[in-house]
Every structure is written in C-alpha cells, then in structure tokens.
C-alpha cells in the first residue's frame, strides 16, 4: 500500500505530516476500494484551514474571533462514481481488511445509512 501508519508517523517530532497529494491518495484509495471509479480526488490547500482555505494573515481575525468551527485540520477526499461494484457490507469488509493489513487501526466502521442486509 502507498501509505502506512509508520510512514505517517515518520514526520519530524512536533510536526504533522501533510495530507496525501492526489497521487498518494489515488494509490491508497485504489488499494482499499478495488473496482471503484473514484473520479476526482480533492486535495486541501494546507494541513490546517479556515473555512477550507489556507490560514493566512487575512484569516487571523476569523481564527481569533470566529464561531470556533471554522478552523480545522483539512482532509483529502474522493467520491466513488456510479453503482458500487459489490454490496456495501463487502466494500466495508474489504476496506477494513486492507487497512488493518497495512497496519492502520480501524474502529467501528459501517456503511453510512446502511442497515444490515439492506440499503436505504
């Protein structure tokens, strides 16, 4: 797999590793979700963002006096396009297996909005 917990922890002490770039995210997602058409991969402008934008001098006022929910760690994401190639429970099981096999910890994951045996 392109990324592992050990690689993410290899950042210098006191520094967080940046979110994966498009190539790394594509490698991770292709490994974890085989057979899915992932479409466009969305990468953030910085590790920490204010309303989705990189922190800069113009956003300090918002950071200090905002509502508290606007400053956050960013995320890299993608969406699967089209019908899933297999049932949702199988997608989750394969993703869990591949992530734990690569050393990631996976806790209590189940498809959003899916009840056992049926899709909503």
C-alpha atoms as a PDB file:
ATOM      1  CA  UNK A   1       0.000   0.000   0.000  1.00  0.00           C
ATOM      2  CA  UNK A   2       1.313   3.502  -0.776  1.00  0.00           C
ATOM      3  CA  UNK A   3       0.878   4.793   2.762  1.00  0.00           C
ATOM      4  CA  UNK A   4       1.115   3.189   6.159  1.00  0.00           C
ATOM      5  CA  UNK A   5       0.843   4.377   9.762  1.00  0.00           C
ATOM      6  CA  UNK A   6       4.623   4.131  10.084  1.00  0.00           C
ATOM      7  CA  UNK A   7       5.102   6.438   7.120  1.00  0.00           C
ATOM      8  CA  UNK A   8       2.639   8.962   8.540  1.00  0.00           C
ATOM      9  CA  UNK A   9       4.408   8.856  11.913  1.00  0.00           C
ATOM     10  CA  UNK A  10       7.772   9.488  10.231  1.00  0.00           C
ATOM     11  CA  UNK A  11       7.150  13.251  10.210  1.00  0.00           C
ATOM     12  CA  UNK A  12       9.630  15.252  12.329  1.00  0.00           C
ATOM     13  CA  UNK A  13       8.728  15.468  16.040  1.00  0.00           C
ATOM     14  CA  UNK A  14       6.094  18.110  16.729  1.00  0.00           C
ATOM     15  CA  UNK A  15       5.036  18.328  13.073  1.00  0.00           C
ATOM     16  CA  UNK A  16       2.052  16.710  11.439  1.00  0.00           C
ATOM     17  CA  UNK A  17       2.532  15.109   8.077  1.00  0.00           C
ATOM     18  CA  UNK A  18       0.571  16.902   5.343  1.00  0.00           C
ATOM     19  CA  UNK A  19      -2.470  15.287   3.802  1.00  0.00           C
ATOM     20  CA  UNK A  20      -1.657  12.971   0.891  1.00  0.00           C
ATOM     21  CA  UNK A  21      -1.323  14.506  -2.549  1.00  0.00           C
ATOM     22  CA  UNK A  22      -3.501  13.289  -5.448  1.00  0.00           C
ATOM     23  CA  UNK A  23      -1.106  10.519  -6.494  1.00  0.00           C
ATOM     24  CA  UNK A  24      -0.709   9.132  -2.965  1.00  0.00           C
ATOM     25  CA  UNK A  25      -4.451   9.375  -2.272  1.00  0.00           C
ATOM     26  CA  UNK A  26      -5.233   7.595  -5.551  1.00  0.00           C
ATOM     27  CA  UNK A  27      -2.817   4.787  -4.655  1.00  0.00           C
ATOM     28  CA  UNK A  28      -4.326   4.396  -1.165  1.00  0.00           C
ATOM     29  CA  UNK A  29      -7.947   4.540  -2.343  1.00  0.00           C
ATOM     30  CA  UNK A  30      -7.374   2.205  -5.293  1.00  0.00           C
ATOM     31  CA  UNK A  31      -5.829  -0.347  -2.926  1.00  0.00           C
ATOM     32  CA  UNK A  32      -8.573  -0.027  -0.305  1.00  0.00           C
ATOM     33  CA  UNK A  33     -11.543   0.250  -2.705  1.00  0.00           C
ATOM     34  CA  UNK A  34     -10.722  -2.005  -5.682  1.00  0.00           C
ATOM     35  CA  UNK A  35     -13.038  -1.802  -8.676  1.00  0.00           C
ATOM     36  CA  UNK A  36     -14.474   1.629  -7.827  1.00  0.00           C
ATOM     37  CA  UNK A  37     -14.391   4.594 -10.211  1.00  0.00           C
ATOM     38  CA  UNK A  38     -13.125   7.241  -7.792  1.00  0.00           C
ATOM     39  CA  UNK A  39     -13.463  10.258 -10.042  1.00  0.00           C
ATOM     40  CA  UNK A  40     -11.766  13.491  -8.941  1.00  0.00           C
ATOM     41  CA  UNK A  41      -9.613  13.474  -5.793  1.00  0.00           C
ATOM     42  CA  UNK A  42      -9.988  16.631  -3.717  1.00  0.00           C
ATOM     43  CA  UNK A  43      -6.785  17.788  -2.035  1.00  0.00           C
ATOM     44  CA  UNK A  44      -6.648  20.596   0.535  1.00  0.00           C
ATOM     45  CA  UNK A  45      -4.561  23.781   0.207  1.00  0.00           C
ATOM     46  CA  UNK A  46      -2.909  23.271   3.625  1.00  0.00           C
ATOM     47  CA  UNK A  47      -2.838  20.942   6.635  1.00  0.00           C
ATOM     48  CA  UNK A  48      -4.979  23.381   8.666  1.00  0.00           C
ATOM     49  CA  UNK A  49      -7.650  25.508   7.039  1.00  0.00           C
ATOM     50  CA  UNK A  50     -10.131  28.249   7.873  1.00  0.00           C
ATOM     51  CA  UNK A  51     -13.411  27.562   6.067  1.00  0.00           C
ATOM     52  CA  UNK A  52     -11.488  25.392   3.595  1.00  0.00           C
ATOM     53  CA  UNK A  53      -8.820  27.996   2.812  1.00  0.00           C
ATOM     54  CA  UNK A  54      -5.184  28.013   3.922  1.00  0.00           C
ATOM     55  CA  UNK A  55      -4.503  30.019   7.056  1.00  0.00           C
ATOM     56  CA  UNK A  56      -3.083  33.446   6.115  1.00  0.00           C
ATOM     57  CA  UNK A  57      -2.835  36.913   7.572  1.00  0.00           C
ATOM     58  CA  UNK A  58      -6.297  37.871   6.301  1.00  0.00           C
ATOM     59  CA  UNK A  59      -7.903  34.968   8.199  1.00  0.00           C
ATOM     60  CA  UNK A  60      -6.330  35.628  11.622  1.00  0.00           C
ATOM     61  CA  UNK A  61      -9.319  37.745  12.716  1.00  0.00           C
ATOM     62  CA  UNK A  62     -11.675  34.898  11.792  1.00  0.00           C
ATOM     63  CA  UNK A  63      -9.412  32.460  13.600  1.00  0.00           C
ATOM     64  CA  UNK A  64      -9.360  34.541  16.806  1.00  0.00           C
ATOM     65  CA  UNK A  65     -12.945  35.838  16.852  1.00  0.00           C
ATOM     66  CA  UNK A  66     -14.875  33.341  14.710  1.00  0.00           C
ATOM     67  CA  UNK A  67     -17.524  30.857  15.782  1.00  0.00           C
ATOM     68  CA  UNK A  68     -14.967  28.182  16.645  1.00  0.00           C
ATOM     69  CA  UNK A  69     -15.958  25.697  13.994  1.00  0.00           C
ATOM     70  CA  UNK A  70     -14.158  27.212  11.062  1.00  0.00           C
ATOM     71  CA  UNK A  71     -10.539  26.289  11.931  1.00  0.00           C
ATOM     72  CA  UNK A  72      -9.847  22.620  11.368  1.00  0.00           C
ATOM     73  CA  UNK A  73      -7.460  20.026  10.065  1.00  0.00           C
ATOM     74  CA  UNK A  74      -8.039  19.582   6.357  1.00  0.00           C
ATOM     75  CA  UNK A  75      -8.818  16.342   4.578  1.00  0.00           C
ATOM     76  CA  UNK A  76      -8.145  14.696   1.259  1.00  0.00           C
ATOM     77  CA  UNK A  77     -11.202  13.032  -0.210  1.00  0.00           C
ATOM     78  CA  UNK A  78     -12.730  11.321  -3.187  1.00  0.00           C
ATOM     79  CA  UNK A  79     -16.160  10.066  -4.142  1.00  0.00           C
ATOM     80  CA  UNK A  80     -16.965   6.829  -5.904  1.00  0.00           C
ATOM     81  CA  UNK A  81     -18.901   7.456  -9.094  1.00  0.00           C
ATOM     82  CA  UNK A  82     -21.675   5.155 -10.261  1.00  0.00           C
ATOM     83  CA  UNK A  83     -23.134   1.998  -8.792  1.00  0.00           C
ATOM     84  CA  UNK A  84     -20.903   0.130  -6.352  1.00  0.00           C
ATOM     85  CA  UNK A  85     -19.330  -2.984  -7.871  1.00  0.00           C
ATOM     86  CA  UNK A  86     -20.257  -5.084  -4.792  1.00  0.00           C
ATOM     87  CA  UNK A  87     -22.649  -4.767  -1.811  1.00  0.00           C
ATOM     88  CA  UNK A  88     -21.853  -2.080   0.785  1.00  0.00           C
ATOM     89  CA  UNK A  89     -21.094  -4.608   3.543  1.00  0.00           C
ATOM     90  CA  UNK A  90     -18.471  -6.224   1.312  1.00  0.00           C
ATOM     91  CA  UNK A  91     -16.938  -2.831   0.478  1.00  0.00           C
ATOM     92  CA  UNK A  92     -16.536  -2.080   4.186  1.00  0.00           C
ATOM     93  CA  UNK A  93     -15.166  -5.562   4.938  1.00  0.00           C
ATOM     94  CA  UNK A  94     -12.539  -5.347   2.173  1.00  0.00           C
ATOM     95  CA  UNK A  95     -11.553  -1.797   3.152  1.00  0.00           C
ATOM     96  CA  UNK A  96     -11.217  -2.811   6.821  1.00  0.00           C
ATOM     97  CA  UNK A  97      -9.161  -5.887   5.903  1.00  0.00           C
ATOM     98  CA  UNK A  98      -6.801  -3.958   3.628  1.00  0.00           C
ATOM     99  CA  UNK A  99      -6.335  -1.072   6.055  1.00  0.00           C
ATOM    100  CA  UNK A 100      -5.650  -3.308   9.050  1.00  0.00           C
ATOM    101  CA  UNK A 101      -3.379  -5.468   6.876  1.00  0.00           C
ATOM    102  CA  UNK A 102      -1.301  -2.355   6.188  1.00  0.00           C
ATOM    103  CA  UNK A 103      -1.102  -1.513   9.897  1.00  0.00           C
ATOM    104  CA  UNK A 104      -3.933   1.033  10.234  1.00  0.00           C
ATOM    105  CA  UNK A 105      -6.349   0.878  13.166  1.00  0.00           C
ATOM    106  CA  UNK A 106      -9.988   0.772  12.078  1.00  0.00           C
ATOM    107  CA  UNK A 107     -12.755   1.222  14.637  1.00  0.00           C
ATOM    108  CA  UNK A 108     -16.486   0.558  14.378  1.00  0.00           C
ATOM    109  CA  UNK A 109     -16.907   1.301  10.680  1.00  0.00           C
ATOM    110  CA  UNK A 110     -20.136   0.515   8.938  1.00  0.00           C
ATOM    111  CA  UNK A 111     -21.632   1.994   5.766  1.00  0.00           C
ATOM    112  CA  UNK A 112     -23.415   5.270   6.398  1.00  0.00           C
ATOM    113  CA  UNK A 113     -27.181   4.843   6.298  1.00  0.00           C
ATOM    114  CA  UNK A 114     -26.952   1.100   5.750  1.00  0.00           C
ATOM    115  CA  UNK A 115     -28.760  -1.393   7.923  1.00  0.00           C
ATOM    116  CA  UNK A 116     -27.574  -4.997   7.868  1.00  0.00           C
ATOM    117  CA  UNK A 117     -28.876  -6.725   4.747  1.00  0.00           C
ATOM    118  CA  UNK A 118     -30.403  -3.695   3.012  1.00  0.00           C
ATOM    119  CA  UNK A 119     -29.643  -0.267   1.593  1.00  0.00           C
ATOM    120  CA  UNK A 120     -31.688   2.812   2.337  1.00  0.00           C
END
